[in-house]
Amino acid sequence: MKLLYDQNLSPRLVKLLDDLFPDSLHVRAVNLHTSDDSIVWGYALENHFTIVSKDVDFQQRSLLYGAPPKFIWLRLGNCSVSDSADLLRRHSVTIHTFELDAATSHLMLP
């Protein structure tokens, strides 16, 4: 399972969670950090990524268009990188199960 971390999340998450989500990327790594959501959505779709963001706009897009790509909405306010990483790590089984469920398009954490 490959995650694509949105601009509102730290690029450090890629390395911090590589043991659970190998081959994941941050939008900065593919020069999408200033792109609008439709471009990020299209990149995730074409390259088989699940988008991870704090941005409610992706949740609305997933309800409108469905999956793929899938979307994980981190419902955290301002927090540290380690708080975001801990949340994703704690819910890693749920995330991997979500990826296999064809009936769901988005996952809200926590």
C-alpha atoms as a PDB file:
ATOM      1  CA  MET A   1       0.000   0.000   0.000  1.00  0.00           C
ATOM      2  CA  LYS A   2       1.409   3.354  -1.073  1.00  0.00           C
ATOM      3  CA  LEU A   3       0.399   6.571   0.630  1.00  0.00           C
ATOM      4  CA  LEU A   4       0.618  10.030  -0.913  1.00  0.00           C
ATOM      5  CA  TYR A   5       0.977  12.588   1.885  1.00  0.00           C
ATOM      6  CA  ASP A   6      -0.604  15.949   1.139  1.00  0.00           C
ATOM      7  CA  GLN A   7       1.077  19.336   1.555  1.00  0.00           C
ATOM      8  CA  ASN A   8      -0.462  19.894   4.997  1.00  0.00           C
ATOM      9  CA  LEU A   9       1.513  16.935   6.359  1.00  0.00           C
ATOM     10  CA  SER A  10       5.233  16.726   6.914  1.00  0.00           C
ATOM     11  CA  PRO A  11       7.466  15.117   4.283  1.00  0.00           C
ATOM     12  CA  ARG A  12       9.195  13.393   7.218  1.00  0.00           C
ATOM     13  CA  LEU A  13       6.262  10.979   7.475  1.00  0.00           C
ATOM     14  CA  VAL A  14       7.578   9.113   4.435  1.00  0.00           C
ATOM     15  CA  LYS A  15      10.671   7.894   6.302  1.00  0.00           C
ATOM     16  CA  LEU A  16       8.996   7.622   9.699  1.00  0.00           C
ATOM     17  CA  LEU A  17       6.398   5.183   8.356  1.00  0.00           C
ATOM     18  CA  ASP A  18       8.370   3.426   5.629  1.00  0.00           C
ATOM     19  CA  ASP A  19       8.308   0.144   7.561  1.00  0.00           C
ATOM     20  CA  LEU A  20       4.485   0.085   7.366  1.00  0.00           C
ATOM     21  CA  PHE A  21       3.854   1.917   4.092  1.00  0.00           C
ATOM     22  CA  PRO A  22       6.807   1.367   1.742  1.00  0.00           C
ATOM     23  CA  ASP A  23       6.993   3.268  -1.543  1.00  0.00           C
ATOM     24  CA  SER A  24       4.930   6.130  -0.132  1.00  0.00           C
ATOM     25  CA  LEU A  25       5.637   9.710  -1.202  1.00  0.00           C
ATOM     26  CA  HIS A  26       4.994  13.263  -0.172  1.00  0.00           C
ATOM     27  CA  VAL A  27       3.487  15.585  -2.801  1.00  0.00           C
ATOM     28  CA  ARG A  28       6.657  17.684  -2.572  1.00  0.00           C
ATOM     29  CA  ALA A  29       8.712  14.764  -3.937  1.00  0.00           C
ATOM     30  CA  VAL A  30       6.735  14.852  -7.189  1.00  0.00           C
ATOM     31  CA  ASN A  31       6.385  18.650  -7.382  1.00  0.00           C
ATOM     32  CA  LEU A  32       2.703  18.673  -6.510  1.00  0.00           C
ATOM     33  CA  HIS A  33       2.927  20.647  -3.261  1.00  0.00           C
ATOM     34  CA  THR A  34       1.462  23.772  -4.919  1.00  0.00           C
ATOM     35  CA  SER A  35      -1.003  21.931  -7.166  1.00  0.00           C
ATOM     36  CA  ASP A  36      -4.725  22.005  -6.602  1.00  0.00           C
ATOM     37  CA  ASP A  37      -6.563  19.005  -5.306  1.00  0.00           C
ATOM     38  CA  SER A  38      -7.707  17.787  -8.720  1.00  0.00           C
ATOM     39  CA  ILE A  39      -4.081  17.415  -9.886  1.00  0.00           C
ATOM     40  CA  VAL A  40      -3.094  15.558  -6.693  1.00  0.00           C
ATOM     41  CA  TRP A  41      -6.193  13.360  -7.077  1.00  0.00           C
ATOM     42  CA  GLY A  42      -5.279  12.547 -10.673  1.00  0.00           C
ATOM     43  CA  TYR A  43      -1.686  11.714  -9.767  1.00  0.00           C
ATOM     44  CA  ALA A  44      -2.848   9.384  -6.983  1.00  0.00           C
ATOM     45  CA  LEU A  45      -5.310   7.720  -9.352  1.00  0.00           C
ATOM     46  CA  GLU A  46      -2.770   7.168 -12.132  1.00  0.00           C
ATOM     47  CA  ASN A  47      -0.045   5.929  -9.787  1.00  0.00           C
ATOM     48  CA  HIS A  48      -2.139   3.803  -7.392  1.00  0.00           C
ATOM     49  CA  PHE A  49      -1.671   5.873  -4.232  1.00  0.00           C
ATOM     50  CA  THR A  50      -4.002   6.421  -1.293  1.00  0.00           C
ATOM     51  CA  ILE A  51      -4.114  10.123  -0.404  1.00  0.00           C
ATOM     52  CA  VAL A  52      -3.523  11.119   3.221  1.00  0.00           C
ATOM     53  CA  SER A  53      -4.471  14.650   4.209  1.00  0.00           C
ATOM     54  CA  LYS A  54      -5.985  16.908   6.845  1.00  0.00           C
ATOM     55  CA  ASP A  55      -7.925  18.635   4.059  1.00  0.00           C
ATOM     56  CA  VAL A  56     -11.701  18.123   4.104  1.00  0.00           C
ATOM     57  CA  ASP A  57     -11.826  18.881   0.357  1.00  0.00           C
ATOM     58  CA  PHE A  58     -10.453  15.428  -0.435  1.00  0.00           C
ATOM     59  CA  GLN A  59     -13.178  13.855   1.697  1.00  0.00           C
ATOM     60  CA  GLN A  60     -15.806  15.701  -0.317  1.00  0.00           C
ATOM     61  CA  ARG A  61     -14.118  14.648  -3.563  1.00  0.00           C
ATOM     62  CA  SER A  62     -14.079  11.002  -2.436  1.00  0.00           C
ATOM     63  CA  LEU A  63     -17.813  11.159  -1.678  1.00  0.00           C
ATOM     64  CA  LEU A  64     -18.497  12.720  -5.073  1.00  0.00           C
ATOM     65  CA  TYR A  65     -16.252  10.515  -7.241  1.00  0.00           C
ATOM     66  CA  GLY A  66     -15.676   7.418  -5.112  1.00  0.00           C
ATOM     67  CA  ALA A  67     -12.507   5.382  -5.293  1.00  0.00           C
ATOM     68  CA  PRO A  68      -9.943   5.062  -6.680  1.00  0.00           C
ATOM     69  CA  PRO A  69      -8.018   6.742  -5.334  1.00  0.00           C
ATOM     70  CA  LYS A  70      -8.859   6.129  -1.734  1.00  0.00           C
ATOM     71  CA  PHE A  71      -8.504   8.872   0.852  1.00  0.00           C
ATOM     72  CA  ILE A  72      -7.497   8.908   4.521  1.00  0.00           C
ATOM     73  CA  TRP A  73      -8.594  12.008   6.398  1.00  0.00           C
ATOM     74  CA  LEU A  74      -6.488  12.780   9.460  1.00  0.00           C
ATOM     75  CA  ARG A  75      -8.814  14.724  11.705  1.00  0.00           C
ATOM     76  CA  LEU A  76      -6.096  16.335  13.754  1.00  0.00           C
ATOM     77  CA  GLY A  77      -5.613  19.999  14.455  1.00  0.00           C
ATOM     78  CA  ASN A  78      -2.177  21.529  14.688  1.00  0.00           C
ATOM     79  CA  CYS A  79       0.039  18.769  15.964  1.00  0.00           C
ATOM     80  CA  SER A  80       3.561  17.478  15.795  1.00  0.00           C
ATOM     81  CA  VAL A  81       4.907  15.188  13.113  1.00  0.00           C
ATOM     82  CA  SER A  82       5.240  12.453  15.708  1.00  0.00           C
ATOM     83  CA  ASP A  83       1.540  12.824  16.622  1.00  0.00           C
ATOM     84  CA  SER A  84       0.577  12.287  12.962  1.00  0.00           C
ATOM     85  CA  ALA A  85       2.964   9.356  12.645  1.00  0.00           C
ATOM     86  CA  ASP A  86       1.681   7.810  15.876  1.00  0.00           C
ATOM     87  CA  LEU A  87      -1.915   8.060  14.680  1.00  0.00           C
ATOM     88  CA  LEU A  88      -1.109   6.340  11.382  1.00  0.00           C
ATOM     89  CA  ARG A  89       0.984   3.708  13.146  1.00  0.00           C
ATOM     90  CA  ARG A  90      -1.765   2.960  15.718  1.00  0.00           C
ATOM     91  CA  HIS A  91      -4.316   2.525  12.938  1.00  0.00           C
ATOM     92  CA  SER A  92      -2.092   0.679  10.451  1.00  0.00           C
ATOM     93  CA  VAL A  93      -4.192  -2.508  10.534  1.00  0.00           C
ATOM     94  CA  THR A  94      -7.349  -0.477   9.918  1.00  0.00           C
ATOM     95  CA  ILE A  95      -5.612   1.356   7.063  1.00  0.00           C
ATOM     96  CA  HIS A  96      -4.460  -1.850   5.385  1.00  0.00           C
ATOM     97  CA  THR A  97      -7.936  -3.377   5.792  1.00  0.00           C
ATOM     98  CA  PHE A  98      -9.498  -0.210   4.343  1.00  0.00           C
ATOM     99  CA  GLU A  99      -7.271  -0.511   1.284  1.00  0.00           C
ATOM    100  CA  LEU A 100      -8.698  -3.973   0.567  1.00  0.00           C
ATOM    101  CA  ASP A 101     -12.341  -2.929   0.988  1.00  0.00           C
ATOM    102  CA  ALA A 102     -13.707  -2.079  -2.464  1.00  0.00           C
ATOM    103  CA  ALA A 103     -16.898  -0.626  -0.979  1.00  0.00           C
ATOM    104  CA  THR A 104     -15.260   2.282   0.868  1.00  0.00           C
ATOM    105  CA  SER A 105     -13.635   5.381  -0.586  1.00  0.00           C
ATOM    106  CA  HIS A 106     -12.455   7.226   2.502  1.00  0.00           C
ATOM    107  CA  LEU A 107     -11.351   6.608   6.052  1.00  0.00           C
ATOM    108  CA  MET A 108     -11.485   9.164   8.863  1.00  0.00           C
ATOM    109  CA  LEU A 109      -8.930   8.980  11.675  1.00  0.00           C
ATOM    110  CA  PRO A 110      -9.348   9.285  14.634  1.00  0.00           C
END
